[in-house]
Amino acid sequence: MEFRLTPEEERLRQVVEEFVRDELIPLEPDFANGPDIFEGSRWKSRVKKSQDTEIRRYIAIMEALEKKWATMFRTSFITAKESRSTSI
């Protein structure tokens, strides 16, 4: 069995590690006392219509993180793949 990562897989691992270290871990104290409504994968459907200011603050943080991740992923991988496919 081969346990080494391809260069692309290693780059993905590094990008995820960087995102978790720089973006998620610093937010852990903010979410330590957050409402349970944010647990699980369907939190958006449960909280989107809430007018509670504290929940709105959490939503803003989560949406900003999603945008940062999308930008980071797009910058790191999609652009690299596009440049490789045009150079072939």
PDB file of N, CA and C in Angstrom:
ATOM      1  N   MET A   1       0.829  -1.186   0.000  1.00  0.00           N
ATOM      2  CA  MET A   1       0.000   0.000   0.000  1.00  0.00           C
ATOM      3  C   MET A   1       0.870   1.245   0.000  1.00  0.00           C
ATOM      4  N   GLU A   2       0.398   2.226  -0.716  1.00  0.00           N
ATOM      5  CA  GLU A   2       1.099   3.514  -0.803  1.00  0.00           C
ATOM      6  C   GLU A   2       0.414   4.510   0.133  1.00  0.00           C
ATOM      7  N   PHE A   3       1.162   5.031   1.092  1.00  0.00           N
ATOM      8  CA  PHE A   3       0.585   5.959   2.056  1.00  0.00           C
ATOM      9  C   PHE A   3       1.031   7.397   1.844  1.00  0.00           C
ATOM     10  N   ARG A   4       1.824   7.617   0.835  1.00  0.00           N
ATOM     11  CA  ARG A   4       2.252   8.990   0.559  1.00  0.00           C
ATOM     12  C   ARG A   4       1.152   9.734  -0.184  1.00  0.00           C
ATOM     13  N   LEU A   5       1.083  11.029   0.086  1.00  0.00           N
ATOM     14  CA  LEU A   5       0.110  11.872  -0.603  1.00  0.00           C
ATOM     15  C   LEU A   5       0.714  12.379  -1.907  1.00  0.00           C
ATOM     16  N   THR A   6      -0.142  12.534  -2.896  1.00  0.00           N
ATOM     17  CA  THR A   6       0.315  13.170  -4.121  1.00  0.00           C
ATOM     18  C   THR A   6       0.605  14.634  -3.802  1.00  0.00           C
ATOM     19  N   PRO A   7       1.352  15.330  -4.655  1.00  0.00           N
ATOM     20  CA  PRO A   7       1.595  16.754  -4.394  1.00  0.00           C
ATOM     21  C   PRO A   7       0.298  17.557  -4.239  1.00  0.00           C
ATOM     22  N   GLU A   8      -0.711  17.251  -5.025  1.00  0.00           N
ATOM     23  CA  GLU A   8      -1.987  17.959  -4.923  1.00  0.00           C
ATOM     24  C   GLU A   8      -2.687  17.655  -3.595  1.00  0.00           C
ATOM     25  N   GLU A   9      -2.657  16.387  -3.176  1.00  0.00           N
ATOM     26  CA  GLU A   9      -3.255  16.019  -1.888  1.00  0.00           C
ATOM     27  C   GLU A   9      -2.509  16.681  -0.729  1.00  0.00           C
ATOM     28  N   GLU A  10      -1.198  16.729  -0.831  1.00  0.00           N
ATOM     29  CA  GLU A  10      -0.406  17.385   0.213  1.00  0.00           C
ATOM     30  C   GLU A  10      -0.721  18.876   0.274  1.00  0.00           C
ATOM     31  N   ARG A  11      -0.889  19.503  -0.868  1.00  0.00           N
ATOM     32  CA  ARG A  11      -1.248  20.923  -0.890  1.00  0.00           C
ATOM     33  C   ARG A  11      -2.616  21.132  -0.240  1.00  0.00           C
ATOM     34  N   LEU A  12      -3.577  20.270  -0.529  1.00  0.00           N
ATOM     35  CA  LEU A  12      -4.886  20.364   0.096  1.00  0.00           C
ATOM     36  C   LEU A  12      -4.758  20.201   1.612  1.00  0.00           C
ATOM     37  N   ARG A  13      -3.984  19.236   2.050  1.00  0.00           N
ATOM     38  CA  ARG A  13      -3.774  19.029   3.483  1.00  0.00           C
ATOM     39  C   ARG A  13      -3.199  20.284   4.130  1.00  0.00           C
ATOM     40  N   GLN A  14      -2.234  20.908   3.478  1.00  0.00           N
ATOM     41  CA  GLN A  14      -1.623  22.121   4.014  1.00  0.00           C
ATOM     42  C   GLN A  14      -2.611  23.283   4.075  1.00  0.00           C
ATOM     43  N   VAL A  15      -3.427  23.428   3.036  1.00  0.00           N
ATOM     44  CA  VAL A  15      -4.409  24.518   3.000  1.00  0.00           C
ATOM     45  C   VAL A  15      -5.448  24.323   4.102  1.00  0.00           C
ATOM     46  N   VAL A  16      -5.906  23.087   4.283  1.00  0.00           N
ATOM     47  CA  VAL A  16      -6.885  22.812   5.345  1.00  0.00           C
ATOM     48  C   VAL A  16      -6.251  23.070   6.713  1.00  0.00           C
ATOM     49  N   GLU A  17      -5.032  22.615   6.902  1.00  0.00           N
ATOM     50  CA  GLU A  17      -4.334  22.846   8.170  1.00  0.00           C
ATOM     51  C   GLU A  17      -4.207  24.347   8.457  1.00  0.00           C
ATOM     52  N   GLU A  18      -3.824  25.100   7.461  1.00  0.00           N
ATOM     53  CA  GLU A  18      -3.683  26.558   7.612  1.00  0.00           C
ATOM     54  C   GLU A  18      -5.025  27.206   7.960  1.00  0.00           C
ATOM     55  N   PHE A  19      -6.081  26.804   7.281  1.00  0.00           N
ATOM     56  CA  PHE A  19      -7.401  27.373   7.536  1.00  0.00           C
ATOM     57  C   PHE A  19      -7.867  27.058   8.959  1.00  0.00           C
ATOM     58  N   VAL A  20      -7.704  25.830   9.371  1.00  0.00           N
ATOM     59  CA  VAL A  20      -8.114  25.440  10.721  1.00  0.00           C
ATOM     60  C   VAL A  20      -7.304  26.210  11.761  1.00  0.00           C
ATOM     61  N   ARG A  21      -5.992  26.272  11.568  1.00  0.00           N
ATOM     62  CA  ARG A  21      -5.117  26.955  12.519  1.00  0.00           C
ATOM     63  C   ARG A  21      -5.405  28.452  12.591  1.00  0.00           C
ATOM     64  N   ASP A  22      -5.542  29.082  11.429  1.00  0.00           N
ATOM     65  CA  ASP A  22      -5.650  30.545  11.384  1.00  0.00           C
ATOM     66  C   ASP A  22      -7.076  31.073  11.536  1.00  0.00           C
ATOM     67  N   GLU A  23      -8.062  30.293  11.146  1.00  0.00           N
ATOM     68  CA  GLU A  23      -9.437  30.794  11.128  1.00  0.00           C
ATOM     69  C   GLU A  23     -10.356  30.128  12.153  1.00  0.00           C
ATOM     70  N   LEU A  24     -10.276  28.806  12.283  1.00  0.00           N
ATOM     71  CA  LEU A  24     -11.226  28.109  13.154  1.00  0.00           C
ATOM     72  C   LEU A  24     -10.803  28.077  14.625  1.00  0.00           C
ATOM     73  N   ILE A  25      -9.580  27.685  14.875  1.00  0.00           N
ATOM     74  CA  ILE A  25      -9.134  27.562  16.259  1.00  0.00           C
ATOM     75  C   ILE A  25      -9.260  28.877  17.027  1.00  0.00           C
ATOM     76  N   PRO A  26      -8.911  30.021  16.441  1.00  0.00           N
ATOM     77  CA  PRO A  26      -9.104  31.274  17.193  1.00  0.00           C
ATOM     78  C   PRO A  26     -10.563  31.567  17.546  1.00  0.00           C
ATOM     79  N   LEU A  27     -11.512  30.975  16.838  1.00  0.00           N
ATOM     80  CA  LEU A  27     -12.931  31.210  17.118  1.00  0.00           C
ATOM     81  C   LEU A  27     -13.516  30.247  18.158  1.00  0.00           C
ATOM     82  N   GLU A  28     -12.759  29.236  18.565  1.00  0.00           N
ATOM     83  CA  GLU A  28     -13.280  28.265  19.525  1.00  0.00           C
ATOM     84  C   GLU A  28     -13.829  28.915  20.794  1.00  0.00           C
ATOM     85  N   PRO A  29     -13.145  29.904  21.388  1.00  0.00           N
ATOM     86  CA  PRO A  29     -13.713  30.523  22.590  1.00  0.00           C
ATOM     87  C   PRO A  29     -15.058  31.202  22.334  1.00  0.00           C
ATOM     88  N   ASP A  30     -15.235  31.784  21.149  1.00  0.00           N
ATOM     89  CA  ASP A  30     -16.512  32.430  20.815  1.00  0.00           C
ATOM     90  C   ASP A  30     -17.661  31.426  20.753  1.00  0.00           C
ATOM     91  N   PHE A  31     -17.362  30.228  20.283  1.00  0.00           N
ATOM     92  CA  PHE A  31     -18.401  29.226  20.097  1.00  0.00           C
ATOM     93  C   PHE A  31     -18.526  28.264  21.276  1.00  0.00           C
ATOM     94  N   ALA A  32     -17.618  28.360  22.244  1.00  0.00           N
ATOM     95  CA  ALA A  32     -17.664  27.456  23.398  1.00  0.00           C
ATOM     96  C   ALA A  32     -18.985  27.567  24.140  1.00  0.00           C
ATOM     97  N   ASN A  33     -19.520  28.757  24.207  1.00  0.00           N
ATOM     98  CA  ASN A  33     -20.786  28.966  24.903  1.00  0.00           C
ATOM     99  C   ASN A  33     -21.929  29.269  23.937  1.00  0.00           C
ATOM    100  N   GLY A  34     -21.713  28.927  22.678  1.00  0.00           N
ATOM    101  CA  GLY A  34     -22.735  29.179  21.675  1.00  0.00           C
ATOM    102  C   GLY A  34     -23.945  28.286  21.868  1.00  0.00           C
ATOM    103  N   PRO A  35     -25.072  28.711  21.340  1.00  0.00           N
ATOM    104  CA  PRO A  35     -26.282  27.886  21.474  1.00  0.00           C
ATOM    105  C   PRO A  35     -26.143  26.568  20.731  1.00  0.00           C
ATOM    106  N   ASP A  36     -26.794  25.535  21.237  1.00  0.00           N
ATOM    107  CA  ASP A  36     -26.737  24.199  20.638  1.00  0.00           C
ATOM    108  C   ASP A  36     -27.312  24.165  19.228  1.00  0.00           C
ATOM    109  N   ILE A  37     -27.998  25.179  18.855  1.00  0.00           N
ATOM    110  CA  ILE A  37     -28.639  25.220  17.539  1.00  0.00           C
ATOM    111  C   ILE A  37     -27.617  25.109  16.404  1.00  0.00           C
ATOM    112  N   PHE A  38     -26.353  25.416  16.681  1.00  0.00           N
ATOM    113  CA  PHE A  38     -25.327  25.365  15.649  1.00  0.00           C
ATOM    114  C   PHE A  38     -24.677  23.992  15.508  1.00  0.00           C
ATOM    115  N   GLU A  39     -25.076  23.041  16.307  1.00  0.00           N
ATOM    116  CA  GLU A  39     -24.518  21.699  16.197  1.00  0.00           C
ATOM    117  C   GLU A  39     -25.181  20.947  15.052  1.00  0.00           C
ATOM    118  N   GLY A  40     -24.409  20.114  14.387  1.00  0.00           N
ATOM    119  CA  GLY A  40     -24.943  19.317  13.289  1.00  0.00           C
ATOM    120  C   GLY A  40     -24.782  20.005  11.945  1.00  0.00           C
ATOM    121  N   SER A  41     -25.227  19.338  10.925  1.00  0.00           N
ATOM    122  CA  SER A  41     -25.009  19.818   9.563  1.00  0.00           C
ATOM    123  C   SER A  41     -26.143  20.676   9.023  1.00  0.00           C
ATOM    124  N   ARG A  42     -27.265  20.742   9.737  1.00  0.00           N
ATOM    125  CA  ARG A  42     -28.403  21.498   9.215  1.00  0.00           C
ATOM    126  C   ARG A  42     -28.664  22.770  10.020  1.00  0.00           C
ATOM    127  N   TRP A  43     -27.614  23.345  10.562  1.00  0.00           N
ATOM    128  CA  TRP A  43     -27.791  24.532  11.395  1.00  0.00           C
ATOM    129  C   TRP A  43     -28.362  25.705  10.617  1.00  0.00           C
ATOM    130  N   LYS A  44     -28.010  25.838   9.348  1.00  0.00           N
ATOM    131  CA  LYS A  44     -28.493  26.983   8.564  1.00  0.00           C
ATOM    132  C   LYS A  44     -30.006  27.015   8.477  1.00  0.00           C
ATOM    133  N   SER A  45     -30.597  25.872   8.195  1.00  0.00           N
ATOM    134  CA  SER A  45     -32.052  25.848   8.053  1.00  0.00           C
ATOM    135  C   SER A  45     -32.757  26.153   9.373  1.00  0.00           C
ATOM    136  N   ARG A  46     -32.086  25.899  10.482  1.00  0.00           N
ATOM    137  CA  ARG A  46     -32.699  26.154  11.785  1.00  0.00           C
ATOM    138  C   ARG A  46     -32.559  27.607  12.236  1.00  0.00           C
ATOM    139  N   VAL A  47     -31.533  28.302  11.796  1.00  0.00           N
ATOM    140  CA  VAL A  47     -31.257  29.628  12.366  1.00  0.00           C
ATOM    141  C   VAL A  47     -31.453  30.797  11.419  1.00  0.00           C
ATOM    142  N   LYS A  48     -31.568  30.557  10.146  1.00  0.00           N
ATOM    143  CA  LYS A  48     -31.619  31.646   9.167  1.00  0.00           C
ATOM    144  C   LYS A  48     -32.679  32.697   9.474  1.00  0.00           C
ATOM    145  N   LYS A  49     -33.802  32.293   9.980  1.00  0.00           N
ATOM    146  CA  LYS A  49     -34.897  33.240  10.190  1.00  0.00           C
ATOM    147  C   LYS A  49     -34.903  33.851  11.592  1.00  0.00           C
ATOM    148  N   SER A  50     -33.944  33.473  12.404  1.00  0.00           N
ATOM    149  CA  SER A  50     -33.907  33.987  13.772  1.00  0.00           C
ATOM    150  C   SER A  50     -33.593  35.480  13.773  1.00  0.00           C
ATOM    151  N   GLN A  51     -34.257  36.190  14.659  1.00  0.00           N
ATOM    152  CA  GLN A  51     -33.989  37.623  14.832  1.00  0.00           C
ATOM    153  C   GLN A  51     -33.142  37.889  16.075  1.00  0.00           C
ATOM    154  N   ASP A  52     -32.791  36.844  16.805  1.00  0.00           N
ATOM    155  CA  ASP A  52     -31.959  36.977  17.993  1.00  0.00           C
ATOM    156  C   ASP A  52     -30.595  37.549  17.589  1.00  0.00           C
ATOM    157  N   THR A  53     -30.192  38.644  18.223  1.00  0.00           N
ATOM    158  CA  THR A  53     -28.945  39.318  17.817  1.00  0.00           C
ATOM    159  C   THR A  53     -27.718  38.446  18.033  1.00  0.00           C
ATOM    160  N   GLU A  54     -27.712  37.638  19.074  1.00  0.00           N
ATOM    161  CA  GLU A  54     -26.564  36.758  19.326  1.00  0.00           C
ATOM    162  C   GLU A  54     -26.472  35.686  18.241  1.00  0.00           C
ATOM    163  N   ILE A  55     -27.591  35.121  17.872  1.00  0.00           N
ATOM    164  CA  ILE A  55     -27.591  34.119  16.801  1.00  0.00           C
ATOM    165  C   ILE A  55     -27.193  34.766  15.479  1.00  0.00           C
ATOM    166  N   ARG A  56     -27.666  35.975  15.217  1.00  0.00           N
ATOM    167  CA  ARG A  56     -27.289  36.687  13.987  1.00  0.00           C
ATOM    168  C   ARG A  56     -25.765  36.900  13.939  1.00  0.00           C
ATOM    169  N   ARG A  57     -25.174  37.172  15.104  1.00  0.00           N
ATOM    170  CA  ARG A  57     -23.717  37.349  15.167  1.00  0.00           C
ATOM    171  C   ARG A  57     -23.000  36.050  14.790  1.00  0.00           C
ATOM    172  N   TYR A  58     -23.476  34.933  15.318  1.00  0.00           N
ATOM    173  CA  TYR A  58     -22.892  33.638  14.969  1.00  0.00           C
ATOM    174  C   TYR A  58     -23.058  33.336  13.479  1.00  0.00           C
ATOM    175  N   ILE A  59     -24.223  33.644  12.936  1.00  0.00           N
ATOM    176  CA  ILE A  59     -24.462  33.418  11.508  1.00  0.00           C
ATOM    177  C   ILE A  59     -23.463  34.223  10.675  1.00  0.00           C
ATOM    178  N   ALA A  60     -23.251  35.468  11.049  1.00  0.00           N
ATOM    179  CA  ALA A  60     -22.301  36.313  10.312  1.00  0.00           C
ATOM    180  C   ALA A  60     -20.897  35.720  10.356  1.00  0.00           C
ATOM    181  N   ILE A  61     -20.493  35.214  11.511  1.00  0.00           N
ATOM    182  CA  ILE A  61     -19.169  34.584  11.632  1.00  0.00           C
ATOM    183  C   ILE A  61     -19.080  33.359  10.728  1.00  0.00           C
ATOM    184  N   MET A  62     -20.112  32.502  10.767  1.00  0.00           N
ATOM    185  CA  MET A  62     -20.105  31.275   9.964  1.00  0.00           C
ATOM    186  C   MET A  62     -20.099  31.583   8.463  1.00  0.00           C
ATOM    187  N   GLU A  63     -20.896  32.558   8.051  1.00  0.00           N
ATOM    188  CA  GLU A  63     -20.929  32.913   6.633  1.00  0.00           C
ATOM    189  C   GLU A  63     -19.605  33.505   6.178  1.00  0.00           C
ATOM    190  N   ALA A  64     -18.975  34.303   7.019  1.00  0.00           N
ATOM    191  CA  ALA A  64     -17.662  34.854   6.672  1.00  0.00           C
ATOM    192  C   ALA A  64     -16.627  33.739   6.532  1.00  0.00           C
ATOM    193  N   LEU A  65     -16.691  32.747   7.404  1.00  0.00           N
ATOM    194  CA  LEU A  65     -15.782  31.602   7.299  1.00  0.00           C
ATOM    195  C   LEU A  65     -15.999  30.832   6.010  1.00  0.00           C
ATOM    196  N   GLU A  66     -17.260  30.630   5.642  1.00  0.00           N
ATOM    197  CA  GLU A  66     -17.551  29.920   4.391  1.00  0.00           C
ATOM    198  C   GLU A  66     -16.970  30.667   3.195  1.00  0.00           C
ATOM    199  N   LYS A  67     -17.098  31.985   3.194  1.00  0.00           N
ATOM    200  CA  LYS A  67     -16.547  32.786   2.085  1.00  0.00           C
ATOM    201  C   LYS A  67     -15.026  32.718   2.056  1.00  0.00           C
ATOM    202  N   LYS A  68     -14.414  32.797   3.244  1.00  0.00           N
ATOM    203  CA  LYS A  68     -12.947  32.706   3.302  1.00  0.00           C
ATOM    204  C   LYS A  68     -12.474  31.363   2.776  1.00  0.00           C
ATOM    205  N   TRP A  69     -13.160  30.276   3.187  1.00  0.00           N
ATOM    206  CA  TRP A  69     -12.753  28.948   2.729  1.00  0.00           C
ATOM    207  C   TRP A  69     -12.925  28.827   1.217  1.00  0.00           C
ATOM    208  N   ALA A  70     -14.040  29.307   0.696  1.00  0.00           N
ATOM    209  CA  ALA A  70     -14.273  29.219  -0.748  1.00  0.00           C
ATOM    210  C   ALA A  70     -13.198  29.978  -1.511  1.00  0.00           C
ATOM    211  N   THR A  71     -12.849  31.152  -1.026  1.00  0.00           N
ATOM    212  CA  THR A  71     -11.801  31.949  -1.678  1.00  0.00           C
ATOM    213  C   THR A  71     -10.459  31.249  -1.585  1.00  0.00           C
ATOM    214  N   MET A  72     -10.146  30.736  -0.407  1.00  0.00           N
ATOM    215  CA  MET A  72      -8.876  30.055  -0.201  1.00  0.00           C
ATOM    216  C   MET A  72      -8.768  28.818  -1.091  1.00  0.00           C
ATOM    217  N   PHE A  73      -9.842  28.038  -1.156  1.00  0.00           N
ATOM    218  CA  PHE A  73      -9.848  26.838  -1.981  1.00  0.00           C
ATOM    219  C   PHE A  73      -9.712  27.199  -3.454  1.00  0.00           C
ATOM    220  N   ARG A  74     -10.505  28.170  -3.884  1.00  0.00           N
ATOM    221  CA  ARG A  74     -10.474  28.583  -5.287  1.00  0.00           C
ATOM    222  C   ARG A  74      -9.078  29.079  -5.665  1.00  0.00           C
ATOM    223  N   THR A  75      -8.502  29.888  -4.812  1.00  0.00           N
ATOM    224  CA  THR A  75      -7.170  30.441  -5.080  1.00  0.00           C
ATOM    225  C   THR A  75      -6.114  29.348  -5.120  1.00  0.00           C
ATOM    226  N   SER A  76      -6.210  28.390  -4.209  1.00  0.00           N
ATOM    227  CA  SER A  76      -5.180  27.361  -4.096  1.00  0.00           C
ATOM    228  C   SER A  76      -5.298  26.242  -5.117  1.00  0.00           C
ATOM    229  N   PHE A  77      -6.520  25.885  -5.504  1.00  0.00           N
ATOM    230  CA  PHE A  77      -6.691  24.688  -6.320  1.00  0.00           C
ATOM    231  C   PHE A  77      -7.287  24.916  -7.685  1.00  0.00           C
ATOM    232  N   ILE A  78      -8.364  25.616  -7.759  1.00  0.00           N
ATOM    233  CA  ILE A  78      -9.018  25.777  -9.056  1.00  0.00           C
ATOM    234  C   ILE A  78      -8.129  26.559 -10.004  1.00  0.00           C
ATOM    235  N   THR A  79      -7.516  27.634  -9.520  1.00  0.00           N
ATOM    236  CA  THR A  79      -6.611  28.421 -10.355  1.00  0.00           C
ATOM    237  C   THR A  79      -5.421  27.570 -10.800  1.00  0.00           C
ATOM    238  N   ALA A  80      -4.883  26.762  -9.873  1.00  0.00           N
ATOM    239  CA  ALA A  80      -3.759  25.900 -10.217  1.00  0.00           C
ATOM    240  C   ALA A  80      -4.147  24.861 -11.263  1.00  0.00           C
ATOM    241  N   LYS A  81      -5.342  24.275 -11.124  1.00  0.00           N
ATOM    242  CA  LYS A  81      -5.802  23.288 -12.106  1.00  0.00           C
ATOM    243  C   LYS A  81      -6.031  23.930 -13.474  1.00  0.00           C
ATOM    244  N   GLU A  82      -6.587  25.131 -13.476  1.00  0.00           N
ATOM    245  CA  GLU A  82      -6.818  25.822 -14.742  1.00  0.00           C
ATOM    246  C   GLU A  82      -5.505  26.114 -15.451  1.00  0.00           C
ATOM    247  N   SER A  83      -4.513  26.536 -14.709  1.00  0.00           N
ATOM    248  CA  SER A  83      -3.226  26.841 -15.332  1.00  0.00           C
ATOM    249  C   SER A  83      -2.549  25.577 -15.853  1.00  0.00           C
ATOM    250  N   ARG A  84      -2.732  24.450 -15.144  1.00  0.00           N
ATOM    251  CA  ARG A  84      -2.155  23.193 -15.629  1.00  0.00           C
ATOM    252  C   ARG A  84      -2.847  22.726 -16.897  1.00  0.00           C
ATOM    253  N   SER A  85      -4.175  22.877 -16.951  1.00  0.00           N
ATOM    254  CA  SER A  85      -4.906  22.378 -18.116  1.00  0.00           C
ATOM    255  C   SER A  85      -4.635  23.243 -19.349  1.00  0.00           C
ATOM    256  N   THR A  86      -4.341  24.513 -19.194  1.00  0.00           N
ATOM    257  CA  THR A  86      -4.046  25.354 -20.346  1.00  0.00           C
ATOM    258  C   THR A  86      -2.614  25.172 -20.812  1.00  0.00           C
ATOM    259  N   SER A  87      -1.755  24.638 -19.944  1.00  0.00           N
ATOM    260  CA  SER A  87      -0.365  24.459 -20.350  1.00  0.00           C
ATOM    261  C   SER A  87      -0.129  23.097 -21.003  1.00  0.00           C
ATOM    262  N   ILE A  88      -1.157  22.258 -21.027  1.00  0.00           N
ATOM    263  CA  ILE A  88      -1.017  20.908 -21.612  1.00  0.00           C
ATOM    264  C   ILE A  88      -1.168  20.964 -23.107  1.00  0.00           C
TER     265      ILE A  88
END
